[in-house]
Amino acid sequence: MDALIAFRFLEVLYGTDEKNYSNDKDFRRWVQKVIYYLQCYSLKENNRPFIKQELYAYPDGPMVTSLHDELKKQLSEEELNKLLSSGSAEYAEYDSDLLEAVALVLSKYSGKDLTNISHTSAPWVQTIQNGAISKELMKEKFGEGRFEEDFLKEVTKAFNGRKALREAVPTSFKEE
């Protein structure tokens, strides 16, 4: 999945005003950290990356550079519509369930909270400043701290609940 598609999904879930998200630094931080924790969870629990882009160990915590650049732009209406519609249907049910589970677990935190928490995450701590955080490091070292241990458990519980709920819906109610 592309990080911009993940952003689009989060934007729809949390209803941020599409025209003003570039001015909302806390929401931009929150999105970046959700993407980081999503990537770490997917590598640790599923042995596969969730997004294709690299995450970098910036002073504000882990970030996808291309997503950071896109979120800071003041886009025209046409550019915004193009970005928000690009690939919005390209993620599988599994990916959308996992993205929703991670966002749900992290929704009680602000972007600033998650930035501070991410500064204790072993993959970020063990990566040279401004360097790419290796997927191997995320897979091996993520989950060592108390927050991350709890996060892994909570996301698994939320993900399994979403999956069970989706599977329980009679096929006559599902979109065709």
C-alpha atoms as a PDB file:
ATOM      1  CA  MET A   1       0.000   0.000   0.000  1.00  0.00           C
ATOM      2  CA  ASP A   2       1.127   3.514  -0.666  1.00  0.00           C
ATOM      3  CA  ALA A   3       1.403   5.861   2.331  1.00  0.00           C
ATOM      4  CA  LEU A   4      -0.798   8.424   0.541  1.00  0.00           C
ATOM      5  CA  ILE A   5      -3.571   5.868   0.197  1.00  0.00           C
ATOM      6  CA  ALA A   6      -3.256   5.103   3.906  1.00  0.00           C
ATOM      7  CA  PHE A   7      -3.517   8.839   4.606  1.00  0.00           C
ATOM      8  CA  ARG A   8      -6.675   9.041   2.487  1.00  0.00           C
ATOM      9  CA  PHE A   9      -8.221   6.230   4.482  1.00  0.00           C
ATOM     10  CA  LEU A  10      -7.328   7.921   7.796  1.00  0.00           C
ATOM     11  CA  GLU A  11      -8.660  11.231   6.533  1.00  0.00           C
ATOM     12  CA  VAL A  12     -11.996   9.611   5.681  1.00  0.00           C
ATOM     13  CA  LEU A  13     -12.146   7.779   9.033  1.00  0.00           C
ATOM     14  CA  TYR A  14     -11.414  10.844  11.128  1.00  0.00           C
ATOM     15  CA  GLY A  15     -13.147  13.447   8.989  1.00  0.00           C
ATOM     16  CA  THR A  16     -10.403  16.055   8.915  1.00  0.00           C
ATOM     17  CA  ASP A  17     -11.374  19.007   6.761  1.00  0.00           C
ATOM     18  CA  GLU A  18      -9.737  18.096   3.461  1.00  0.00           C
ATOM     19  CA  LYS A  19      -8.917  21.685   2.634  1.00  0.00           C
ATOM     20  CA  ASN A  20      -7.195  22.443   5.934  1.00  0.00           C
ATOM     21  CA  TYR A  21      -5.184  19.342   6.868  1.00  0.00           C
ATOM     22  CA  SER A  22      -1.985  20.957   5.588  1.00  0.00           C
ATOM     23  CA  ASN A  23      -2.378  23.535   8.384  1.00  0.00           C
ATOM     24  CA  ASP A  24      -2.978  20.943  11.102  1.00  0.00           C
ATOM     25  CA  LYS A  25       0.499  19.996  12.302  1.00  0.00           C
ATOM     26  CA  ASP A  26      -0.796  17.705  15.048  1.00  0.00           C
ATOM     27  CA  PHE A  27      -2.928  15.711  12.591  1.00  0.00           C
ATOM     28  CA  ARG A  28       0.047  15.427  10.198  1.00  0.00           C
ATOM     29  CA  ARG A  29       2.209  14.150  13.068  1.00  0.00           C
ATOM     30  CA  TRP A  30      -0.507  11.730  14.129  1.00  0.00           C
ATOM     31  CA  VAL A  31      -0.833  10.316  10.603  1.00  0.00           C
ATOM     32  CA  GLN A  32       2.935   9.841  10.353  1.00  0.00           C
ATOM     33  CA  LYS A  33       3.081   7.956  13.651  1.00  0.00           C
ATOM     34  CA  VAL A  34       0.051   5.806  12.777  1.00  0.00           C
ATOM     35  CA  ILE A  35       1.874   4.831   9.566  1.00  0.00           C
ATOM     36  CA  TYR A  36       5.031   4.006  11.591  1.00  0.00           C
ATOM     37  CA  TYR A  37       3.179   1.859  14.116  1.00  0.00           C
ATOM     38  CA  LEU A  38       1.215   0.221  11.306  1.00  0.00           C
ATOM     39  CA  GLN A  39       4.436  -0.667   9.488  1.00  0.00           C
ATOM     40  CA  CYS A  40       6.024  -2.031  12.676  1.00  0.00           C
ATOM     41  CA  TYR A  41       2.950  -4.105  13.508  1.00  0.00           C
ATOM     42  CA  SER A  42       2.744  -5.557  10.014  1.00  0.00           C
ATOM     43  CA  LEU A  43       6.442  -6.471   9.963  1.00  0.00           C
ATOM     44  CA  LYS A  44       6.397  -7.920  13.478  1.00  0.00           C
ATOM     45  CA  GLU A  45       3.138  -9.848  13.308  1.00  0.00           C
ATOM     46  CA  ASN A  46       2.728 -10.590   9.582  1.00  0.00           C
ATOM     47  CA  ASN A  47       6.313 -10.596   8.337  1.00  0.00           C
ATOM     48  CA  ARG A  48       5.456  -8.165   5.543  1.00  0.00           C
ATOM     49  CA  PRO A  49       5.618  -4.404   5.150  1.00  0.00           C
ATOM     50  CA  PHE A  50       2.334  -2.509   5.071  1.00  0.00           C
ATOM     51  CA  ILE A  51       3.590   0.413   3.005  1.00  0.00           C
ATOM     52  CA  LYS A  52       6.180   0.423   0.259  1.00  0.00           C
ATOM     53  CA  GLN A  53       7.946   3.636   1.290  1.00  0.00           C
ATOM     54  CA  GLU A  54      10.842   3.895   3.740  1.00  0.00           C
ATOM     55  CA  LEU A  55      10.383   5.495   7.154  1.00  0.00           C
ATOM     56  CA  TYR A  56      13.091   7.862   8.371  1.00  0.00           C
ATOM     57  CA  ALA A  57      14.282   8.684  11.888  1.00  0.00           C
ATOM     58  CA  TYR A  58      13.681  12.432  11.911  1.00  0.00           C
ATOM     59  CA  PRO A  59      13.844  14.604  15.040  1.00  0.00           C
ATOM     60  CA  ASP A  60      10.006  14.695  15.096  1.00  0.00           C
ATOM     61  CA  GLY A  61       9.987  10.893  15.108  1.00  0.00           C
ATOM     62  CA  PRO A  62       9.516   8.354  12.323  1.00  0.00           C
ATOM     63  CA  MET A  63       8.196   9.774   9.053  1.00  0.00           C
ATOM     64  CA  VAL A  64       7.606   8.904   5.424  1.00  0.00           C
ATOM     65  CA  THR A  65       9.342  11.775   3.601  1.00  0.00           C
ATOM     66  CA  SER A  66       7.069  11.766   0.547  1.00  0.00           C
ATOM     67  CA  LEU A  67       3.968  11.789   2.755  1.00  0.00           C
ATOM     68  CA  HIS A  68       5.421  14.614   4.880  1.00  0.00           C
ATOM     69  CA  ASP A  69       6.005  16.683   1.758  1.00  0.00           C
ATOM     70  CA  GLU A  70       2.504  16.006   0.399  1.00  0.00           C
ATOM     71  CA  LEU A  71       0.793  16.812   3.702  1.00  0.00           C
ATOM     72  CA  LYS A  72       2.511  20.206   3.942  1.00  0.00           C
ATOM     73  CA  LYS A  73       1.497  21.337   0.461  1.00  0.00           C
ATOM     74  CA  GLN A  74      -1.290  23.789  -0.101  1.00  0.00           C
ATOM     75  CA  LEU A  75      -2.992  21.924  -2.916  1.00  0.00           C
ATOM     76  CA  SER A  76      -5.415  23.313  -5.448  1.00  0.00           C
ATOM     77  CA  GLU A  77      -8.907  21.794  -5.482  1.00  0.00           C
ATOM     78  CA  GLU A  78      -7.982  19.738  -8.565  1.00  0.00           C
ATOM     79  CA  GLU A  79      -4.700  18.482  -7.052  1.00  0.00           C
ATOM     80  CA  LEU A  80      -6.440  17.611  -3.798  1.00  0.00           C
ATOM     81  CA  ASN A  81      -9.175  15.637  -5.562  1.00  0.00           C
ATOM     82  CA  LYS A  82      -6.577  13.769  -7.623  1.00  0.00           C
ATOM     83  CA  LEU A  83      -4.564  12.867  -4.507  1.00  0.00           C
ATOM     84  CA  LEU A  84      -7.588  11.819  -2.480  1.00  0.00           C
ATOM     85  CA  SER A  85      -9.014   9.661  -5.254  1.00  0.00           C
ATOM     86  CA  SER A  86      -5.752   7.973  -6.223  1.00  0.00           C
ATOM     87  CA  GLY A  87      -5.933   4.332  -5.367  1.00  0.00           C
ATOM     88  CA  SER A  88      -8.632   4.689  -2.723  1.00  0.00           C
ATOM     89  CA  ALA A  89     -10.061   1.297  -3.706  1.00  0.00           C
ATOM     90  CA  GLU A  90      -6.691  -0.441  -4.039  1.00  0.00           C
ATOM     91  CA  TYR A  91      -6.388  -1.796  -0.509  1.00  0.00           C
ATOM     92  CA  ALA A  92      -7.741  -5.172   0.478  1.00  0.00           C
ATOM     93  CA  GLU A  93     -10.185  -5.806   3.315  1.00  0.00           C
ATOM     94  CA  TYR A  94      -7.275  -7.101   5.385  1.00  0.00           C
ATOM     95  CA  ASP A  95      -5.351  -3.862   4.923  1.00  0.00           C
ATOM     96  CA  SER A  96      -8.328  -1.661   5.693  1.00  0.00           C
ATOM     97  CA  ASP A  97      -9.169  -3.713   8.812  1.00  0.00           C
ATOM     98  CA  LEU A  98      -5.576  -3.471  10.037  1.00  0.00           C
ATOM     99  CA  LEU A  99      -5.364   0.252   9.297  1.00  0.00           C
ATOM    100  CA  GLU A 100      -8.628   0.842  11.163  1.00  0.00           C
ATOM    101  CA  ALA A 101      -7.460  -1.271  14.125  1.00  0.00           C
ATOM    102  CA  VAL A 102      -4.181   0.644  14.448  1.00  0.00           C
ATOM    103  CA  ALA A 103      -5.925   4.009  14.062  1.00  0.00           C
ATOM    104  CA  LEU A 104      -8.512   3.025  16.658  1.00  0.00           C
ATOM    105  CA  VAL A 105      -5.868   1.986  19.198  1.00  0.00           C
ATOM    106  CA  LEU A 106      -3.873   5.187  18.616  1.00  0.00           C
ATOM    107  CA  SER A 107      -6.879   7.540  18.404  1.00  0.00           C
ATOM    108  CA  LYS A 108      -6.640   8.339  22.120  1.00  0.00           C
ATOM    109  CA  TYR A 109      -3.256  10.006  21.555  1.00  0.00           C
ATOM    110  CA  SER A 110      -2.418  13.314  19.924  1.00  0.00           C
ATOM    111  CA  GLY A 111       0.261  13.657  17.286  1.00  0.00           C
ATOM    112  CA  LYS A 112       2.528  15.240  19.878  1.00  0.00           C
ATOM    113  CA  ASP A 113       1.916  12.344  22.311  1.00  0.00           C
ATOM    114  CA  LEU A 114       2.802   9.802  19.636  1.00  0.00           C
ATOM    115  CA  THR A 115       5.906  11.771  18.674  1.00  0.00           C
ATOM    116  CA  ASN A 116       7.118  11.641  22.279  1.00  0.00           C
ATOM    117  CA  ILE A 117       6.254   7.943  22.567  1.00  0.00           C
ATOM    118  CA  SER A 118       7.999   7.142  19.270  1.00  0.00           C
ATOM    119  CA  HIS A 119      11.200   8.651  20.703  1.00  0.00           C
ATOM    120  CA  THR A 120      11.369   5.615  23.017  1.00  0.00           C
ATOM    121  CA  SER A 121      10.860   3.075  20.223  1.00  0.00           C
ATOM    122  CA  ALA A 122      13.969   0.921  19.702  1.00  0.00           C
ATOM    123  CA  PRO A 123      13.894   1.087  15.865  1.00  0.00           C
ATOM    124  CA  TRP A 124      13.842   4.920  15.959  1.00  0.00           C
ATOM    125  CA  VAL A 125      16.390   5.149  18.804  1.00  0.00           C
ATOM    126  CA  GLN A 126      18.818   2.736  17.095  1.00  0.00           C
ATOM    127  CA  THR A 127      18.727   4.489  13.710  1.00  0.00           C
ATOM    128  CA  ILE A 128      21.080   7.353  12.919  1.00  0.00           C
ATOM    129  CA  GLN A 129      19.212  10.686  12.820  1.00  0.00           C
ATOM    130  CA  ASN A 130      17.620  11.297   9.398  1.00  0.00           C
ATOM    131  CA  GLY A 131      18.496   7.745   8.332  1.00  0.00           C
ATOM    132  CA  ALA A 132      16.118   5.132   6.970  1.00  0.00           C
ATOM    133  CA  ILE A 133      14.745   2.840   9.660  1.00  0.00           C
ATOM    134  CA  SER A 134      15.395  -0.688   8.429  1.00  0.00           C
ATOM    135  CA  LYS A 135      12.512  -3.089   8.116  1.00  0.00           C
ATOM    136  CA  GLU A 136      14.660  -5.738   9.829  1.00  0.00           C
ATOM    137  CA  LEU A 137      15.121  -3.454  12.839  1.00  0.00           C
ATOM    138  CA  MET A 138      11.379  -2.770  13.023  1.00  0.00           C
ATOM    139  CA  LYS A 139      10.639  -6.501  12.853  1.00  0.00           C
ATOM    140  CA  GLU A 140      13.260  -7.493  15.442  1.00  0.00           C
ATOM    141  CA  LYS A 141      13.213  -4.621  17.951  1.00  0.00           C
ATOM    142  CA  PHE A 142       9.678  -3.245  17.869  1.00  0.00           C
ATOM    143  CA  GLY A 143       7.658  -4.359  20.886  1.00  0.00           C
ATOM    144  CA  GLU A 144      10.417  -4.208  23.490  1.00  0.00           C
ATOM    145  CA  GLY A 145       8.876  -1.386  25.525  1.00  0.00           C
ATOM    146  CA  ARG A 146       5.706  -1.470  27.604  1.00  0.00           C
ATOM    147  CA  PHE A 147       3.778   0.850  25.265  1.00  0.00           C
ATOM    148  CA  GLU A 148       4.666  -1.283  22.252  1.00  0.00           C
ATOM    149  CA  GLU A 149       3.848  -4.562  24.033  1.00  0.00           C
ATOM    150  CA  ASP A 150       0.409  -3.203  24.910  1.00  0.00           C
ATOM    151  CA  PHE A 151      -0.005  -1.742  21.416  1.00  0.00           C
ATOM    152  CA  LEU A 152       0.645  -5.119  19.762  1.00  0.00           C
ATOM    153  CA  LYS A 153      -1.943  -6.815  22.000  1.00  0.00           C
ATOM    154  CA  GLU A 154      -4.568  -4.068  21.564  1.00  0.00           C
ATOM    155  CA  VAL A 155      -4.212  -3.963  17.781  1.00  0.00           C
ATOM    156  CA  THR A 156      -4.486  -7.737  17.507  1.00  0.00           C
ATOM    157  CA  LYS A 157      -7.654  -7.649  19.615  1.00  0.00           C
ATOM    158  CA  ALA A 158      -9.158  -4.741  17.624  1.00  0.00           C
ATOM    159  CA  PHE A 159      -8.175  -6.333  14.293  1.00  0.00           C
ATOM    160  CA  ASN A 160      -9.688  -9.695  15.212  1.00  0.00           C
ATOM    161  CA  GLY A 161     -12.863  -7.927  16.355  1.00  0.00           C
ATOM    162  CA  ARG A 162     -13.174  -6.007  13.069  1.00  0.00           C
ATOM    163  CA  LYS A 163     -12.516  -9.156  11.069  1.00  0.00           C
ATOM    164  CA  ALA A 164     -15.119 -11.145  13.046  1.00  0.00           C
ATOM    165  CA  LEU A 165     -17.662  -8.352  12.667  1.00  0.00           C
ATOM    166  CA  ARG A 166     -17.096  -8.149   8.914  1.00  0.00           C
ATOM    167  CA  GLU A 167     -17.381 -11.919   8.553  1.00  0.00           C
ATOM    168  CA  ALA A 168     -20.590 -11.992  10.637  1.00  0.00           C
ATOM    169  CA  VAL A 169     -22.449  -9.647   8.286  1.00  0.00           C
ATOM    170  CA  PRO A 170     -24.763 -11.716   6.075  1.00  0.00           C
ATOM    171  CA  THR A 171     -23.696 -11.648   2.439  1.00  0.00           C
ATOM    172  CA  SER A 172     -27.036 -10.092   1.485  1.00  0.00           C
ATOM    173  CA  PHE A 173     -25.971  -6.922   3.372  1.00  0.00           C
ATOM    174  CA  LYS A 174     -22.473  -6.725   1.887  1.00  0.00           C
ATOM    175  CA  GLU A 175     -21.776  -4.501  -1.072  1.00  0.00           C
ATOM    176  CA  GLU A 176     -21.465  -6.383  -4.312  1.00  0.00           C
END
